[in-house]
Amino acid sequence: MGLIWDIVVGILGAFLGGWLASLVGLPVATGTFTIGGVLAAFVGAVILLVIFRALTHRGMIHS
């Protein structure tokens, strides 16, 4: 879908990662730069990008 969609999905995934980290009890402070926060954002972004790419690759979501 292109670079812009990858960026948008990556940012949404970062929020997802922060939310998932808080669900499992990992402290992720908002507004500060921590290694834990970066890792949580990275994991969430990767998860959402993989899901999004799998759905769009198989033709389930048409652009």
PDB file of N, CA and C in Angstrom:
ATOM      1  N   MET A   1       0.824  -1.194   0.000  1.00  0.00           N
ATOM      2  CA  MET A   1       0.000   0.000   0.000  1.00  0.00           C
ATOM      3  C   MET A   1       0.863   1.250   0.000  1.00  0.00           C
ATOM      4  N   GLY A   2       2.115   1.121   0.292  1.00  0.00           N
ATOM      5  CA  GLY A   2       2.992   2.274   0.209  1.00  0.00           C
ATOM      6  C   GLY A   2       3.537   2.715   1.548  1.00  0.00           C
ATOM      7  N   LEU A   3       4.448   3.645   1.447  1.00  0.00           N
ATOM      8  CA  LEU A   3       5.163   4.146   2.619  1.00  0.00           C
ATOM      9  C   LEU A   3       4.237   4.839   3.610  1.00  0.00           C
ATOM     10  N   ILE A   4       3.315   5.648   3.118  1.00  0.00           N
ATOM     11  CA  ILE A   4       2.429   6.402   4.016  1.00  0.00           C
ATOM     12  C   ILE A   4       1.578   5.451   4.860  1.00  0.00           C
ATOM     13  N   TRP A   5       1.008   4.427   4.233  1.00  0.00           N
ATOM     14  CA  TRP A   5       0.200   3.462   4.983  1.00  0.00           C
ATOM     15  C   TRP A   5       1.046   2.697   5.989  1.00  0.00           C
ATOM     16  N   ASP A   6       2.295   2.362   5.611  1.00  0.00           N
ATOM     17  CA  ASP A   6       3.182   1.680   6.559  1.00  0.00           C
ATOM     18  C   ASP A   6       3.453   2.556   7.774  1.00  0.00           C
ATOM     19  N   ILE A   7       3.621   3.840   7.552  1.00  0.00           N
ATOM     20  CA  ILE A   7       3.863   4.769   8.666  1.00  0.00           C
ATOM     21  C   ILE A   7       2.635   4.864   9.552  1.00  0.00           C
ATOM     22  N   VAL A   8       1.465   5.012   8.933  1.00  0.00           N
ATOM     23  CA  VAL A   8       0.218   5.123   9.709  1.00  0.00           C
ATOM     24  C   VAL A   8      -0.023   3.855  10.523  1.00  0.00           C
ATOM     25  N   VAL A   9       0.103   2.704   9.886  1.00  0.00           N
ATOM     26  CA  VAL A   9      -0.112   1.436  10.594  1.00  0.00           C
ATOM     27  C   VAL A   9       0.951   1.243  11.669  1.00  0.00           C
ATOM     28  N   GLY A  10       2.177   1.671  11.414  1.00  0.00           N
ATOM     29  CA  GLY A  10       3.236   1.575  12.416  1.00  0.00           C
ATOM     30  C   GLY A  10       2.966   2.431  13.641  1.00  0.00           C
ATOM     31  N   ILE A  11       2.456   3.630  13.432  1.00  0.00           N
ATOM     32  CA  ILE A  11       2.127   4.510  14.562  1.00  0.00           C
ATOM     33  C   ILE A  11       0.978   3.924  15.375  1.00  0.00           C
ATOM     34  N   LEU A  12      -0.050   3.435  14.681  1.00  0.00           N
ATOM     35  CA  LEU A  12      -1.157   2.794  15.402  1.00  0.00           C
ATOM     36  C   LEU A  12      -0.674   1.552  16.143  1.00  0.00           C
ATOM     37  N   GLY A  13       0.245   0.829  15.544  1.00  0.00           N
ATOM     38  CA  GLY A  13       0.814  -0.342  16.198  1.00  0.00           C
ATOM     39  C   GLY A  13       1.613   0.017  17.438  1.00  0.00           C
ATOM     40  N   ALA A  14       2.251   1.170  17.416  1.00  0.00           N
ATOM     41  CA  ALA A  14       2.986   1.614  18.599  1.00  0.00           C
ATOM     42  C   ALA A  14       2.031   1.848  19.768  1.00  0.00           C
ATOM     43  N   PHE A  15       0.881   2.424  19.476  1.00  0.00           N
ATOM     44  CA  PHE A  15      -0.129   2.573  20.529  1.00  0.00           C
ATOM     45  C   PHE A  15      -0.619   1.216  21.004  1.00  0.00           C
ATOM     46  N   LEU A  16      -0.808   0.305  20.065  1.00  0.00           N
ATOM     47  CA  LEU A  16      -1.214  -1.046  20.414  1.00  0.00           C
ATOM     48  C   LEU A  16      -0.172  -1.708  21.316  1.00  0.00           C
ATOM     49  N   GLY A  17       1.099  -1.535  20.997  1.00  0.00           N
ATOM     50  CA  GLY A  17       2.165  -2.113  21.811  1.00  0.00           C
ATOM     51  C   GLY A  17       2.183  -1.561  23.222  1.00  0.00           C
ATOM     52  N   GLY A  18       1.983  -0.271  23.350  1.00  0.00           N
ATOM     53  CA  GLY A  18       1.916   0.329  24.680  1.00  0.00           C
ATOM     54  C   GLY A  18       0.739  -0.184  25.479  1.00  0.00           C
ATOM     55  N   TRP A  19      -0.394  -0.350  24.819  1.00  0.00           N
ATOM     56  CA  TRP A  19      -1.581  -0.875  25.481  1.00  0.00           C
ATOM     57  C   TRP A  19      -1.378  -2.326  25.896  1.00  0.00           C
ATOM     58  N   LEU A  20      -0.796  -3.131  24.998  1.00  0.00           N
ATOM     59  CA  LEU A  20      -0.540  -4.537  25.335  1.00  0.00           C
ATOM     60  C   LEU A  20       0.462  -4.661  26.478  1.00  0.00           C
ATOM     61  N   ALA A  21       1.477  -3.800  26.489  1.00  0.00           N
ATOM     62  CA  ALA A  21       2.467  -3.831  27.569  1.00  0.00           C
ATOM     63  C   ALA A  21       1.812  -3.513  28.909  1.00  0.00           C
ATOM     64  N   SER A  22       0.902  -2.561  28.899  1.00  0.00           N
ATOM     65  CA  SER A  22       0.232  -2.230  30.162  1.00  0.00           C
ATOM     66  C   SER A  22      -0.686  -3.355  30.616  1.00  0.00           C
ATOM     67  N   LEU A  23      -1.250  -4.105  29.671  1.00  0.00           N
ATOM     68  CA  LEU A  23      -2.109  -5.233  30.041  1.00  0.00           C
ATOM     69  C   LEU A  23      -1.342  -6.349  30.731  1.00  0.00           C
ATOM     70  N   VAL A  24      -0.099  -6.579  30.304  1.00  0.00           N
ATOM     71  CA  VAL A  24       0.685  -7.651  30.908  1.00  0.00           C
ATOM     72  C   VAL A  24       1.498  -7.173  32.107  1.00  0.00           C
ATOM     73  N   GLY A  25       1.344  -5.898  32.457  1.00  0.00           N
ATOM     74  CA  GLY A  25       1.976  -5.394  33.662  1.00  0.00           C
ATOM     75  C   GLY A  25       3.338  -4.756  33.470  1.00  0.00           C
ATOM     76  N   LEU A  26       3.750  -4.529  32.232  1.00  0.00           N
ATOM     77  CA  LEU A  26       5.025  -3.850  31.997  1.00  0.00           C
ATOM     78  C   LEU A  26       4.806  -2.344  32.082  1.00  0.00           C
ATOM     79  N   PRO A  27       5.583  -1.674  32.910  1.00  0.00           N
ATOM     80  CA  PRO A  27       5.388  -0.226  33.048  1.00  0.00           C
ATOM     81  C   PRO A  27       5.929   0.519  31.828  1.00  0.00           C
ATOM     82  N   VAL A  28       5.048   1.192  31.129  1.00  0.00           N
ATOM     83  CA  VAL A  28       5.431   2.006  29.979  1.00  0.00           C
ATOM     84  C   VAL A  28       4.929   3.415  30.240  1.00  0.00           C
ATOM     85  N   ALA A  29       5.848   4.325  30.494  1.00  0.00           N
ATOM     86  CA  ALA A  29       5.483   5.702  30.802  1.00  0.00           C
ATOM     87  C   ALA A  29       5.254   6.473  29.505  1.00  0.00           C
ATOM     88  N   THR A  30       4.183   7.236  29.464  1.00  0.00           N
ATOM     89  CA  THR A  30       3.915   8.066  28.298  1.00  0.00           C
ATOM     90  C   THR A  30       4.635   9.402  28.449  1.00  0.00           C
ATOM     91  N   GLY A  31       5.082   9.923  27.348  1.00  0.00           N
ATOM     92  CA  GLY A  31       5.751  11.217  27.363  1.00  0.00           C
ATOM     93  C   GLY A  31       7.231  11.152  27.687  1.00  0.00           C
ATOM     94  N   THR A  32       7.768   9.973  27.923  1.00  0.00           N
ATOM     95  CA  THR A  32       9.196   9.835  28.195  1.00  0.00           C
ATOM     96  C   THR A  32       9.786   8.821  27.226  1.00  0.00           C
ATOM     97  N   PHE A  33      11.077   8.923  27.020  1.00  0.00           N
ATOM     98  CA  PHE A  33      11.785   8.023  26.114  1.00  0.00           C
ATOM     99  C   PHE A  33      12.503   6.976  26.949  1.00  0.00           C
ATOM    100  N   THR A  34      11.977   5.753  26.931  1.00  0.00           N
ATOM    101  CA  THR A  34      12.604   4.653  27.650  1.00  0.00           C
ATOM    102  C   THR A  34      12.795   3.479  26.696  1.00  0.00           C
ATOM    103  N   ILE A  35      13.727   2.627  27.028  1.00  0.00           N
ATOM    104  CA  ILE A  35      13.977   1.445  26.205  1.00  0.00           C
ATOM    105  C   ILE A  35      12.751   0.534  26.203  1.00  0.00           C
ATOM    106  N   GLY A  36      12.112   0.377  27.353  1.00  0.00           N
ATOM    107  CA  GLY A  36      10.908  -0.446  27.434  1.00  0.00           C
ATOM    108  C   GLY A  36       9.785   0.092  26.559  1.00  0.00           C
ATOM    109  N   GLY A  37       9.633   1.401  26.539  1.00  0.00           N
ATOM    110  CA  GLY A  37       8.610   2.015  25.700  1.00  0.00           C
ATOM    111  C   GLY A  37       8.900   1.833  24.223  1.00  0.00           C
ATOM    112  N   VAL A  38      10.162   1.967  23.852  1.00  0.00           N
ATOM    113  CA  VAL A  38      10.550   1.773  22.450  1.00  0.00           C
ATOM    114  C   VAL A  38      10.324   0.323  22.037  1.00  0.00           C
ATOM    115  N   LEU A  39      10.692  -0.608  22.899  1.00  0.00           N
ATOM    116  CA  LEU A  39      10.493  -2.024  22.582  1.00  0.00           C
ATOM    117  C   LEU A  39       9.010  -2.376  22.476  1.00  0.00           C
ATOM    118  N   ALA A  40       8.198  -1.845  23.377  1.00  0.00           N
ATOM    119  CA  ALA A  40       6.760  -2.108  23.322  1.00  0.00           C
ATOM    120  C   ALA A  40       6.165  -1.524  22.047  1.00  0.00           C
ATOM    121  N   ALA A  41       6.565  -0.323  21.680  1.00  0.00           N
ATOM    122  CA  ALA A  41       6.072   0.297  20.453  1.00  0.00           C
ATOM    123  C   ALA A  41       6.517  -0.480  19.228  1.00  0.00           C
ATOM    124  N   PHE A  42       7.747  -0.938  19.231  1.00  0.00           N
ATOM    125  CA  PHE A  42       8.271  -1.707  18.101  1.00  0.00           C
ATOM    126  C   PHE A  42       7.515  -3.019  17.931  1.00  0.00           C
ATOM    127  N   VAL A  43       7.312  -3.733  19.032  1.00  0.00           N
ATOM    128  CA  VAL A  43       6.605  -5.017  18.965  1.00  0.00           C
ATOM    129  C   VAL A  43       5.163  -4.806  18.493  1.00  0.00           C
ATOM    130  N   GLY A  44       4.491  -3.810  19.023  1.00  0.00           N
ATOM    131  CA  GLY A  44       3.122  -3.535  18.598  1.00  0.00           C
ATOM    132  C   GLY A  44       3.041  -3.145  17.133  1.00  0.00           C
ATOM    133  N   ALA A  45       3.981  -2.338  16.676  1.00  0.00           N
ATOM    134  CA  ALA A  45       3.993  -1.925  15.273  1.00  0.00           C
ATOM    135  C   ALA A  45       4.240  -3.112  14.357  1.00  0.00           C
ATOM    136  N   VAL A  46       5.156  -3.979  14.732  1.00  0.00           N
ATOM    137  CA  VAL A  46       5.441  -5.161  13.915  1.00  0.00           C
ATOM    138  C   VAL A  46       4.221  -6.076  13.861  1.00  0.00           C
ATOM    139  N   ILE A  47       3.573  -6.293  14.995  1.00  0.00           N
ATOM    140  CA  ILE A  47       2.385  -7.150  15.026  1.00  0.00           C
ATOM    141  C   ILE A  47       1.298  -6.597  14.105  1.00  0.00           C
ATOM    142  N   LEU A  48       1.025  -5.306  14.225  1.00  0.00           N
ATOM    143  CA  LEU A  48      -0.038  -4.723  13.416  1.00  0.00           C
ATOM    144  C   LEU A  48       0.337  -4.693  11.933  1.00  0.00           C
ATOM    145  N   LEU A  49       1.584  -4.426  11.612  1.00  0.00           N
ATOM    146  CA  LEU A  49       2.010  -4.432  10.208  1.00  0.00           C
ATOM    147  C   LEU A  49       1.910  -5.827   9.603  1.00  0.00           C
ATOM    148  N   VAL A  50       2.274  -6.845  10.361  1.00  0.00           N
ATOM    149  CA  VAL A  50       2.172  -8.213   9.854  1.00  0.00           C
ATOM    150  C   VAL A  50       0.710  -8.574   9.602  1.00  0.00           C
ATOM    151  N   ILE A  51      -0.166  -8.234  10.544  1.00  0.00           N
ATOM    152  CA  ILE A  51      -1.587  -8.516  10.364  1.00  0.00           C
ATOM    153  C   ILE A  51      -2.139  -7.755   9.162  1.00  0.00           C
ATOM    154  N   PHE A  52      -1.807  -6.481   9.057  1.00  0.00           N
ATOM    155  CA  PHE A  52      -2.301  -5.651   7.965  1.00  0.00           C
ATOM    156  C   PHE A  52      -1.810  -6.161   6.617  1.00  0.00           C
ATOM    157  N   ARG A  53      -0.532  -6.506   6.546  1.00  0.00           N
ATOM    158  CA  ARG A  53       0.023  -7.024   5.290  1.00  0.00           C
ATOM    159  C   ARG A  53      -0.587  -8.371   4.922  1.00  0.00           C
ATOM    160  N   ALA A  54      -0.840  -9.230   5.920  1.00  0.00           N
ATOM    161  CA  ALA A  54      -1.443 -10.532   5.638  1.00  0.00           C
ATOM    162  C   ALA A  54      -2.860 -10.362   5.086  1.00  0.00           C
ATOM    163  N   LEU A  55      -3.608  -9.419   5.648  1.00  0.00           N
ATOM    164  CA  LEU A  55      -4.961  -9.191   5.172  1.00  0.00           C
ATOM    165  C   LEU A  55      -4.985  -8.582   3.777  1.00  0.00           C
ATOM    166  N   THR A  56      -4.113  -7.631   3.523  1.00  0.00           N
ATOM    167  CA  THR A  56      -4.116  -6.970   2.217  1.00  0.00           C
ATOM    168  C   THR A  56      -3.464  -7.834   1.153  1.00  0.00           C
ATOM    169  N   HIS A  57      -2.527  -8.677   1.526  1.00  0.00           N
ATOM    170  CA  HIS A  57      -1.851  -9.533   0.554  1.00  0.00           C
ATOM    171  C   HIS A  57      -2.783 -10.598   0.007  1.00  0.00           C
ATOM    172  N   ARG A  58      -3.665 -11.092   0.804  1.00  0.00           N
ATOM    173  CA  ARG A  58      -4.583 -12.145   0.386  1.00  0.00           C
ATOM    174  C   ARG A  58      -5.822 -11.599  -0.283  1.00  0.00           C
ATOM    175  N   GLY A  59      -5.909 -10.277  -0.420  1.00  0.00           N
ATOM    176  CA  GLY A  59      -7.060  -9.699  -1.094  1.00  0.00           C
ATOM    177  C   GLY A  59      -8.279  -9.546  -0.232  1.00  0.00           C
ATOM    178  N   MET A  60      -8.119  -9.675   1.084  1.00  0.00           N
ATOM    179  CA  MET A  60      -9.270  -9.549   1.968  1.00  0.00           C
ATOM    180  C   MET A  60      -9.687  -8.085   2.103  1.00  0.00           C
ATOM    181  N   ILE A  61      -8.720  -7.183   1.994  1.00  0.00           N
ATOM    182  CA  ILE A  61      -9.004  -5.742   2.024  1.00  0.00           C
ATOM    183  C   ILE A  61      -8.588  -5.185   0.673  1.00  0.00           C
ATOM    184  N   HIS A  62      -9.524  -4.587  -0.023  1.00  0.00           N
ATOM    185  CA  HIS A  62      -9.240  -4.039  -1.347  1.00  0.00           C
ATOM    186  C   HIS A  62      -8.980  -2.552  -1.232  1.00  0.00           C
ATOM    187  N   SER A  63      -7.944  -2.104  -1.928  1.00  0.00           N
ATOM    188  CA  SER A  63      -7.625  -0.675  -1.888  1.00  0.00           C
ATOM    189  C   SER A  63      -8.303   0.079  -2.990  1.00  0.00           C
TER     190      SER A  63
END
